[in-house]
Amino acid sequence: MRPSDLHPFCPDPPPQRVAVAVSGGPDSMALLHMMTRAFPAMPIVALTFDHGLRKGSAAEARRVGDWIADWPN
């Protein structure tokens, strides 16, 4: 796939990079995996945020950071 294949979901011209919100759950991890494989030439920025809404959320955010640090892009 090419970034232009994202049309009609993206503006014209297509973006130079894409951000993916990653919670660490299976759905967001699968989305990140799919995006890095479908668009290997496009930089994928993975973002996570600790809302601090439950006990252990800071550790979860750090774990997501550790997981995605070695991913391509």
C-alpha atoms as a PDB file:
ATOM      1  CA  MET A   1       0.000   0.000   0.000  1.00  0.00           C
ATOM      2  CA  ARG A   2       0.966   3.593  -0.517  1.00  0.00           C
ATOM      3  CA  PRO A   3      -0.089   6.618   1.544  1.00  0.00           C
ATOM      4  CA  SER A   4      -2.268   7.643  -1.408  1.00  0.00           C
ATOM      5  CA  ASP A   5      -4.268   4.428  -0.855  1.00  0.00           C
ATOM      6  CA  LEU A   6      -5.747   6.055   2.256  1.00  0.00           C
ATOM      7  CA  HIS A   7      -7.908   8.214   0.000  1.00  0.00           C
ATOM      8  CA  PRO A   8     -10.805   9.078   0.490  1.00  0.00           C
ATOM      9  CA  PHE A   9     -10.103   8.934   4.226  1.00  0.00           C
ATOM     10  CA  CYS A  10      -7.321  11.520   4.167  1.00  0.00           C
ATOM     11  CA  PRO A  11      -6.931  15.003   2.782  1.00  0.00           C
ATOM     12  CA  ASP A  12      -5.311  15.655  -0.557  1.00  0.00           C
ATOM     13  CA  PRO A  13      -2.348  15.455  -0.593  1.00  0.00           C
ATOM     14  CA  PRO A  14      -1.984  12.474   1.769  1.00  0.00           C
ATOM     15  CA  PRO A  15      -0.206  13.063   5.082  1.00  0.00           C
ATOM     16  CA  GLN A  16       3.536  12.598   5.477  1.00  0.00           C
ATOM     17  CA  ARG A  17       3.020  10.592   8.693  1.00  0.00           C
ATOM     18  CA  VAL A  18       0.162   9.104  10.692  1.00  0.00           C
ATOM     19  CA  ALA A  19      -0.410   9.013  14.454  1.00  0.00           C
ATOM     20  CA  VAL A  20      -2.017   5.969  16.086  1.00  0.00           C
ATOM     21  CA  ALA A  21      -3.404   6.139  19.625  1.00  0.00           C
ATOM     22  CA  VAL A  22      -2.288   3.019  21.519  1.00  0.00           C
ATOM     23  CA  SER A  23      -3.829   2.013  24.846  1.00  0.00           C
ATOM     24  CA  GLY A  24      -2.028  -1.311  25.066  1.00  0.00           C
ATOM     25  CA  GLY A  25      -5.214  -3.294  24.540  1.00  0.00           C
ATOM     26  CA  PRO A  26      -5.426  -5.863  21.763  1.00  0.00           C
ATOM     27  CA  ASP A  27      -7.412  -3.646  19.405  1.00  0.00           C
ATOM     28  CA  SER A  28      -5.028  -0.686  19.445  1.00  0.00           C
ATOM     29  CA  MET A  29      -1.957  -2.945  19.318  1.00  0.00           C
ATOM     30  CA  ALA A  30      -3.475  -4.714  16.290  1.00  0.00           C
ATOM     31  CA  LEU A  31      -4.183  -1.359  14.642  1.00  0.00           C
ATOM     32  CA  LEU A  32      -0.590  -0.242  15.183  1.00  0.00           C
ATOM     33  CA  HIS A  33       0.706  -3.548  13.810  1.00  0.00           C
ATOM     34  CA  MET A  34      -1.570  -3.322  10.768  1.00  0.00           C
ATOM     35  CA  MET A  35      -0.594   0.272  10.022  1.00  0.00           C
ATOM     36  CA  THR A  36       3.151  -0.422  10.207  1.00  0.00           C
ATOM     37  CA  ARG A  37       2.750  -3.405   7.863  1.00  0.00           C
ATOM     38  CA  ALA A  38       0.295  -1.802   5.431  1.00  0.00           C
ATOM     39  CA  PHE A  39       2.290   1.424   5.076  1.00  0.00           C
ATOM     40  CA  PRO A  40       5.967   0.517   5.624  1.00  0.00           C
ATOM     41  CA  ALA A  41       7.230   3.663   3.896  1.00  0.00           C
ATOM     42  CA  MET A  42       5.092   6.024   5.998  1.00  0.00           C
ATOM     43  CA  PRO A  43       6.307   7.072   9.440  1.00  0.00           C
ATOM     44  CA  ILE A  44       3.812   5.882  12.043  1.00  0.00           C
ATOM     45  CA  VAL A  45       3.793   7.793  15.327  1.00  0.00           C
ATOM     46  CA  ALA A  46       2.393   5.761  18.224  1.00  0.00           C
ATOM     47  CA  LEU A  47       0.908   7.806  21.057  1.00  0.00           C
ATOM     48  CA  THR A  48      -0.210   6.762  24.515  1.00  0.00           C
ATOM     49  CA  PHE A  49      -1.478   8.861  27.397  1.00  0.00           C
ATOM     50  CA  ASP A  50      -1.879   8.114  31.081  1.00  0.00           C
ATOM     51  CA  HIS A  51      -5.194   9.629  32.165  1.00  0.00           C
ATOM     52  CA  GLY A  52      -4.509   8.500  35.726  1.00  0.00           C
ATOM     53  CA  LEU A  53      -8.087   7.247  36.044  1.00  0.00           C
ATOM     54  CA  ARG A  54      -7.256   3.912  37.628  1.00  0.00           C
ATOM     55  CA  LYS A  55      -4.575   2.345  39.724  1.00  0.00           C
ATOM     56  CA  GLY A  56      -1.724   1.008  37.617  1.00  0.00           C
ATOM     57  CA  SER A  57      -2.392   3.237  34.615  1.00  0.00           C
ATOM     58  CA  ALA A  58       1.083   4.801  34.752  1.00  0.00           C
ATOM     59  CA  ALA A  59       2.671   1.349  34.603  1.00  0.00           C
ATOM     60  CA  GLU A  60       0.443   0.453  31.642  1.00  0.00           C
ATOM     61  CA  ALA A  61       1.514   3.584  29.765  1.00  0.00           C
ATOM     62  CA  ARG A  62       5.193   2.789  30.434  1.00  0.00           C
ATOM     63  CA  ARG A  63       4.664  -0.782  29.246  1.00  0.00           C
ATOM     64  CA  VAL A  64       3.114   0.460  25.989  1.00  0.00           C
ATOM     65  CA  GLY A  65       6.123   2.743  25.538  1.00  0.00           C
ATOM     66  CA  ASP A  66       8.469  -0.191  26.057  1.00  0.00           C
ATOM     67  CA  TRP A  67       6.528  -2.353  23.572  1.00  0.00           C
ATOM     68  CA  ILE A  68       6.459   0.220  20.804  1.00  0.00           C
ATOM     69  CA  ALA A  69      10.013   1.535  21.256  1.00  0.00           C
ATOM     70  CA  ASP A  70      11.445  -1.271  19.108  1.00  0.00           C
ATOM     71  CA  TRP A  71       8.746  -1.287  16.426  1.00  0.00           C
ATOM     72  CA  PRO A  72       9.535  -0.203  12.870  1.00  0.00           C
ATOM     73  CA  ASN A  73       8.887   3.379  11.774  1.00  0.00           C
END
